[in-house]
Amino acid sequence: MPAEQTRGDPFEALGDPMRREILRLLSAGEKPVHEIAVALPVSRPAVSRHLRLLKDAGLVSERSEGTRRIYHLQTGGVRAVQEYLAGIWGDAAARFRMLAENTGRDEDEATFR
């Protein structure tokens, strides 16, 4: 996870479609809150709440630019989620491959005789 302490669960944060859309928007590059809010069908305060949850989960970070807050993806948090999912899918793929390899054609042919 990133150097800053996270309080939220990234998977809980990803459970909301609006927060996933915010992450999709930020995947194109950093954006101020106003620009994110314009692209979404919710109020600016709602966007700010979503961003706070994403920040608490370690998925986004912010920086100040004058009076504006600019948000961007937090690489460490996103990478941790990717690694977790890759581990799960990697294990599932290995189990599927083992099952497929252990299901021999001789058994299949015997059932058709």
N, C-alpha and C. Protein backbone atom coordinates (compact mmCIF):
# COMPACT_ATOMS: atom_id res chain seq x y z
N MET A 1 0.84 -1.19 0.00
CA MET A 1 0.00 0.00 0.00
C MET A 1 0.88 1.25 0.00
N PRO A 2 0.28 2.41 -0.27
CA PRO A 2 1.05 3.64 -0.32
C PRO A 2 1.61 4.01 1.05
N ALA A 3 2.55 4.94 1.03
CA ALA A 3 3.21 5.36 2.26
C ALA A 3 2.22 5.96 3.27
N GLU A 4 1.24 6.72 2.78
CA GLU A 4 0.28 7.31 3.71
C GLU A 4 -0.67 6.23 4.24
N GLN A 5 -1.09 6.38 5.48
CA GLN A 5 -1.95 5.40 6.13
C GLN A 5 -3.34 5.39 5.52
N THR A 6 -3.83 4.20 5.19
CA THR A 6 -5.18 4.08 4.65
C THR A 6 -6.10 3.55 5.74
N ARG A 7 -7.33 4.02 5.72
CA ARG A 7 -8.31 3.60 6.72
C ARG A 7 -9.41 2.76 6.09
N GLY A 8 -9.65 2.91 4.81
CA GLY A 8 -10.76 2.24 4.17
C GLY A 8 -10.34 0.98 3.43
N ASP A 9 -11.35 0.20 3.09
CA ASP A 9 -11.15 -1.03 2.34
C ASP A 9 -11.28 -0.71 0.85
N PRO A 10 -10.23 -0.96 0.06
CA PRO A 10 -10.31 -0.64 -1.37
C PRO A 10 -11.44 -1.39 -2.08
N PHE A 11 -11.72 -2.61 -1.65
CA PHE A 11 -12.78 -3.36 -2.32
C PHE A 11 -14.16 -2.83 -1.97
N GLU A 12 -14.32 -2.31 -0.77
CA GLU A 12 -15.58 -1.66 -0.43
C GLU A 12 -15.73 -0.38 -1.26
N ALA A 13 -14.65 0.36 -1.41
CA ALA A 13 -14.69 1.57 -2.22
C ALA A 13 -15.02 1.26 -3.67
N LEU A 14 -14.51 0.15 -4.18
CA LEU A 14 -14.75 -0.24 -5.58
C LEU A 14 -16.15 -0.79 -5.79
N GLY A 15 -16.87 -1.04 -4.71
CA GLY A 15 -18.21 -1.61 -4.82
C GLY A 15 -19.25 -0.64 -5.37
N ASP A 16 -18.96 0.61 -5.39
CA ASP A 16 -19.92 1.61 -5.85
C ASP A 16 -19.62 1.99 -7.30
N PRO A 17 -20.63 1.94 -8.18
CA PRO A 17 -20.39 2.27 -9.60
C PRO A 17 -19.90 3.70 -9.83
N MET A 18 -20.35 4.64 -9.01
CA MET A 18 -19.92 6.03 -9.19
C MET A 18 -18.42 6.15 -8.87
N ARG A 19 -17.96 5.45 -7.84
CA ARG A 19 -16.53 5.51 -7.51
C ARG A 19 -15.69 4.82 -8.58
N ARG A 20 -16.22 3.75 -9.16
CA ARG A 20 -15.50 3.10 -10.27
C ARG A 20 -15.41 4.06 -11.46
N GLU A 21 -16.47 4.82 -11.70
CA GLU A 21 -16.45 5.78 -12.80
C GLU A 21 -15.43 6.89 -12.52
N ILE A 22 -15.34 7.33 -11.29
CA ILE A 22 -14.33 8.34 -10.92
C ILE A 22 -12.93 7.79 -11.21
N LEU A 23 -12.68 6.55 -10.83
CA LEU A 23 -11.38 5.94 -11.11
C LEU A 23 -11.12 5.86 -12.61
N ARG A 24 -12.16 5.54 -13.37
CA ARG A 24 -12.01 5.48 -14.83
C ARG A 24 -11.63 6.86 -15.37
N LEU A 25 -12.30 7.90 -14.88
CA LEU A 25 -11.98 9.26 -15.31
C LEU A 25 -10.54 9.63 -14.96
N LEU A 26 -10.11 9.27 -13.77
CA LEU A 26 -8.76 9.60 -13.34
C LEU A 26 -7.69 8.75 -14.04
N SER A 27 -8.12 7.63 -14.61
CA SER A 27 -7.14 6.81 -15.33
C SER A 27 -6.61 7.53 -16.57
N ALA A 28 -7.33 8.53 -17.04
CA ALA A 28 -6.89 9.33 -18.19
C ALA A 28 -5.95 10.46 -17.75
N GLY A 29 -5.82 10.67 -16.46
CA GLY A 29 -4.94 11.72 -15.95
C GLY A 29 -5.58 12.47 -14.81
N GLU A 30 -4.78 13.24 -14.10
CA GLU A 30 -5.29 13.95 -12.93
C GLU A 30 -6.34 14.98 -13.33
N LYS A 31 -7.27 15.23 -12.38
CA LYS A 31 -8.37 16.15 -12.65
C LYS A 31 -8.77 16.86 -11.36
N PRO A 32 -9.21 18.13 -11.49
CA PRO A 32 -9.76 18.82 -10.32
C PRO A 32 -11.18 18.31 -10.04
N VAL A 33 -11.64 18.52 -8.83
CA VAL A 33 -12.96 18.07 -8.42
C VAL A 33 -14.03 18.58 -9.37
N HIS A 34 -13.94 19.82 -9.75
CA HIS A 34 -14.95 20.42 -10.64
C HIS A 34 -15.07 19.63 -11.95
N GLU A 35 -13.95 19.29 -12.53
CA GLU A 35 -13.95 18.56 -13.81
C GLU A 35 -14.56 17.15 -13.64
N ILE A 36 -14.28 16.53 -12.53
CA ILE A 36 -14.86 15.21 -12.25
C ILE A 36 -16.37 15.34 -12.09
N ALA A 37 -16.80 16.36 -11.33
CA ALA A 37 -18.22 16.56 -11.06
C ALA A 37 -19.01 16.85 -12.34
N VAL A 38 -18.43 17.60 -13.25
CA VAL A 38 -19.11 17.92 -14.51
C VAL A 38 -19.37 16.66 -15.32
N ALA A 39 -18.48 15.69 -15.22
CA ALA A 39 -18.60 14.46 -16.01
C ALA A 39 -19.56 13.43 -15.39
N LEU A 40 -20.07 13.71 -14.20
CA LEU A 40 -20.92 12.74 -13.50
C LEU A 40 -22.31 13.29 -13.22
N PRO A 41 -23.30 12.40 -13.10
CA PRO A 41 -24.67 12.84 -12.84
C PRO A 41 -25.00 13.01 -11.36
N VAL A 42 -24.01 13.41 -10.57
CA VAL A 42 -24.24 13.65 -9.14
C VAL A 42 -23.69 15.02 -8.77
N SER A 43 -24.07 15.50 -7.61
CA SER A 43 -23.65 16.83 -7.18
C SER A 43 -22.16 16.86 -6.84
N ARG A 44 -21.62 18.06 -6.82
CA ARG A 44 -20.21 18.21 -6.46
C ARG A 44 -19.93 17.73 -5.04
N PRO A 45 -20.81 18.03 -4.05
CA PRO A 45 -20.57 17.48 -2.71
C PRO A 45 -20.55 15.95 -2.70
N ALA A 46 -21.40 15.33 -3.52
CA ALA A 46 -21.40 13.85 -3.60
C ALA A 46 -20.09 13.35 -4.18
N VAL A 47 -19.58 14.05 -5.19
CA VAL A 47 -18.29 13.67 -5.78
C VAL A 47 -17.19 13.80 -4.72
N SER A 48 -17.24 14.86 -3.94
CA SER A 48 -16.24 15.05 -2.88
C SER A 48 -16.29 13.92 -1.86
N ARG A 49 -17.49 13.46 -1.51
CA ARG A 49 -17.61 12.33 -0.57
C ARG A 49 -17.03 11.06 -1.19
N HIS A 50 -17.33 10.83 -2.46
CA HIS A 50 -16.77 9.65 -3.14
C HIS A 50 -15.25 9.72 -3.18
N LEU A 51 -14.72 10.89 -3.48
CA LEU A 51 -13.27 11.06 -3.53
C LEU A 51 -12.64 10.83 -2.16
N ARG A 52 -13.30 11.28 -1.11
CA ARG A 52 -12.78 11.07 0.25
C ARG A 52 -12.69 9.58 0.56
N LEU A 53 -13.74 8.81 0.19
CA LEU A 53 -13.72 7.37 0.42
C LEU A 53 -12.62 6.69 -0.40
N LEU A 54 -12.45 7.12 -1.64
CA LEU A 54 -11.39 6.57 -2.48
C LEU A 54 -10.01 6.91 -1.92
N LYS A 55 -9.88 8.11 -1.39
CA LYS A 55 -8.61 8.53 -0.78
C LYS A 55 -8.34 7.71 0.48
N ASP A 56 -9.36 7.54 1.32
CA ASP A 56 -9.21 6.74 2.55
C ASP A 56 -8.82 5.30 2.24
N ALA A 57 -9.28 4.79 1.08
CA ALA A 57 -8.97 3.42 0.69
C ALA A 57 -7.61 3.32 -0.01
N GLY A 58 -6.93 4.44 -0.20
CA GLY A 58 -5.61 4.43 -0.81
C GLY A 58 -5.62 4.33 -2.32
N LEU A 59 -6.77 4.62 -2.95
CA LEU A 59 -6.87 4.49 -4.40
C LEU A 59 -6.61 5.79 -5.15
N VAL A 60 -6.82 6.93 -4.49
CA VAL A 60 -6.51 8.23 -5.10
C VAL A 60 -5.77 9.09 -4.10
N SER A 61 -5.07 10.08 -4.64
CA SER A 61 -4.39 11.09 -3.83
C SER A 61 -4.78 12.45 -4.37
N GLU A 62 -4.52 13.46 -3.56
CA GLU A 62 -4.82 14.82 -3.98
C GLU A 62 -3.61 15.70 -3.75
N ARG A 63 -3.60 16.78 -4.48
CA ARG A 63 -2.60 17.82 -4.25
C ARG A 63 -3.31 19.16 -4.39
N SER A 64 -2.80 20.14 -3.72
CA SER A 64 -3.38 21.48 -3.79
C SER A 64 -2.72 22.26 -4.90
N GLU A 65 -3.53 23.02 -5.60
CA GLU A 65 -3.05 23.96 -6.62
C GLU A 65 -3.86 25.23 -6.42
N GLY A 66 -3.35 26.13 -5.61
CA GLY A 66 -4.12 27.31 -5.22
C GLY A 66 -5.28 26.86 -4.34
N THR A 67 -6.50 27.22 -4.74
CA THR A 67 -7.68 26.81 -3.99
C THR A 67 -8.29 25.51 -4.51
N ARG A 68 -7.69 24.98 -5.57
CA ARG A 68 -8.24 23.75 -6.17
C ARG A 68 -7.55 22.52 -5.60
N ARG A 69 -8.30 21.44 -5.57
CA ARG A 69 -7.76 20.13 -5.22
C ARG A 69 -7.71 19.32 -6.51
N ILE A 70 -6.53 18.82 -6.81
CA ILE A 70 -6.33 18.02 -8.01
C ILE A 70 -6.15 16.57 -7.58
N TYR A 71 -6.95 15.67 -8.16
CA TYR A 71 -6.91 14.26 -7.79
C TYR A 71 -6.25 13.43 -8.89
N HIS A 72 -5.57 12.37 -8.45
CA HIS A 72 -4.95 11.42 -9.36
C HIS A 72 -4.97 10.03 -8.72
N LEU A 73 -4.80 9.02 -9.56
CA LEU A 73 -4.76 7.65 -9.05
C LEU A 73 -3.54 7.48 -8.16
N GLN A 74 -3.72 6.77 -7.08
CA GLN A 74 -2.61 6.44 -6.18
C GLN A 74 -2.06 5.10 -6.64
N THR A 75 -0.92 5.13 -7.29
CA THR A 75 -0.37 3.95 -7.93
C THR A 75 -0.24 2.77 -6.97
N GLY A 76 0.23 3.00 -5.78
CA GLY A 76 0.42 1.90 -4.83
C GLY A 76 -0.88 1.21 -4.47
N GLY A 77 -1.94 1.98 -4.25
CA GLY A 77 -3.23 1.39 -3.90
C GLY A 77 -3.84 0.60 -5.05
N VAL A 78 -3.76 1.16 -6.24
CA VAL A 78 -4.29 0.48 -7.42
C VAL A 78 -3.48 -0.78 -7.69
N ARG A 79 -2.16 -0.69 -7.54
CA ARG A 79 -1.30 -1.85 -7.77
C ARG A 79 -1.61 -2.97 -6.76
N ALA A 80 -1.87 -2.61 -5.52
CA ALA A 80 -2.19 -3.62 -4.51
C ALA A 80 -3.48 -4.38 -4.87
N VAL A 81 -4.46 -3.66 -5.38
CA VAL A 81 -5.72 -4.31 -5.81
C VAL A 81 -5.44 -5.21 -7.00
N GLN A 82 -4.67 -4.73 -7.97
CA GLN A 82 -4.34 -5.54 -9.14
C GLN A 82 -3.60 -6.81 -8.74
N GLU A 83 -2.64 -6.70 -7.83
CA GLU A 83 -1.87 -7.87 -7.40
C GLU A 83 -2.76 -8.87 -6.67
N TYR A 84 -3.67 -8.38 -5.85
CA TYR A 84 -4.59 -9.27 -5.15
C TYR A 84 -5.46 -10.05 -6.14
N LEU A 85 -6.03 -9.32 -7.11
CA LEU A 85 -6.89 -9.97 -8.10
C LEU A 85 -6.10 -10.93 -8.98
N ALA A 86 -4.89 -10.55 -9.36
CA ALA A 86 -4.06 -11.43 -10.18
C ALA A 86 -3.75 -12.72 -9.42
N GLY A 87 -3.51 -12.60 -8.12
CA GLY A 87 -3.25 -13.79 -7.30
C GLY A 87 -4.46 -14.71 -7.26
N ILE A 88 -5.61 -14.13 -7.09
CA ILE A 88 -6.84 -14.94 -7.04
C ILE A 88 -7.10 -15.59 -8.39
N TRP A 89 -7.04 -14.80 -9.47
CA TRP A 89 -7.32 -15.36 -10.80
C TRP A 89 -6.21 -16.31 -11.22
N GLY A 90 -4.99 -16.02 -10.80
CA GLY A 90 -3.89 -16.93 -11.12
C GLY A 90 -4.11 -18.29 -10.49
N ASP A 91 -4.55 -18.31 -9.23
CA ASP A 91 -4.84 -19.57 -8.54
C ASP A 91 -6.00 -20.29 -9.21
N ALA A 92 -7.04 -19.56 -9.58
CA ALA A 92 -8.20 -20.17 -10.23
C ALA A 92 -7.80 -20.75 -11.59
N ALA A 93 -6.96 -20.04 -12.33
CA ALA A 93 -6.52 -20.54 -13.64
C ALA A 93 -5.68 -21.80 -13.48
N ALA A 94 -4.84 -21.83 -12.46
CA ALA A 94 -4.02 -23.03 -12.22
C ALA A 94 -4.90 -24.22 -11.87
N ARG A 95 -5.92 -24.01 -11.04
CA ARG A 95 -6.83 -25.10 -10.67
C ARG A 95 -7.61 -25.59 -11.89
N PHE A 96 -8.05 -24.67 -12.74
CA PHE A 96 -8.78 -25.05 -13.94
C PHE A 96 -7.87 -25.87 -14.87
N ARG A 97 -6.62 -25.40 -15.03
CA ARG A 97 -5.68 -26.12 -15.89
C ARG A 97 -5.44 -27.52 -15.35
N MET A 98 -5.29 -27.67 -14.03
CA MET A 98 -5.07 -28.98 -13.41
C MET A 98 -6.28 -29.88 -13.64
N LEU A 99 -7.47 -29.34 -13.49
CA LEU A 99 -8.68 -30.11 -13.72
C LEU A 99 -8.77 -30.56 -15.18
N ALA A 100 -8.47 -29.64 -16.09
CA ALA A 100 -8.54 -29.97 -17.52
C ALA A 100 -7.51 -31.03 -17.87
N GLU A 101 -6.33 -30.94 -17.30
CA GLU A 101 -5.28 -31.92 -17.60
C GLU A 101 -5.58 -33.29 -17.00
N ASN A 102 -6.32 -33.31 -15.89
CA ASN A 102 -6.63 -34.58 -15.23
C ASN A 102 -7.92 -35.22 -15.72
N THR A 103 -8.60 -34.56 -16.60
CA THR A 103 -9.78 -35.14 -17.22
C THR A 103 -9.33 -35.73 -18.54
N GLY A 104 -9.03 -37.04 -18.53
CA GLY A 104 -8.44 -37.69 -19.70
C GLY A 104 -9.48 -38.06 -20.74
N ARG A 105 -9.03 -38.19 -21.95
CA ARG A 105 -9.91 -38.60 -23.04
C ARG A 105 -10.37 -40.04 -22.87
N ASP A 106 -9.55 -40.89 -22.25
CA ASP A 106 -9.94 -42.28 -22.03
C ASP A 106 -11.23 -42.34 -21.23
N GLU A 107 -11.34 -41.48 -20.20
CA GLU A 107 -12.56 -41.46 -19.39
C GLU A 107 -13.75 -41.00 -20.22
N ASP A 108 -13.52 -39.98 -21.05
CA ASP A 108 -14.60 -39.47 -21.90
C ASP A 108 -15.06 -40.52 -22.89
N GLU A 109 -14.12 -41.22 -23.51
CA GLU A 109 -14.46 -42.25 -24.48
C GLU A 109 -15.19 -43.41 -23.82
N ALA A 110 -14.84 -43.75 -22.59
CA ALA A 110 -15.47 -44.87 -21.88
C ALA A 110 -16.93 -44.55 -21.60
N THR A 111 -17.27 -43.30 -21.38
CA THR A 111 -18.67 -42.96 -21.09
C THR A 111 -19.54 -43.03 -22.32
N PHE A 112 -18.93 -42.95 -23.50
CA PHE A 112 -19.70 -43.01 -24.74
C PHE A 112 -19.85 -44.43 -25.29
N ARG A 113 -19.19 -45.41 -24.70
CA ARG A 113 -19.26 -46.79 -25.19
C ARG A 113 -20.45 -47.50 -24.65
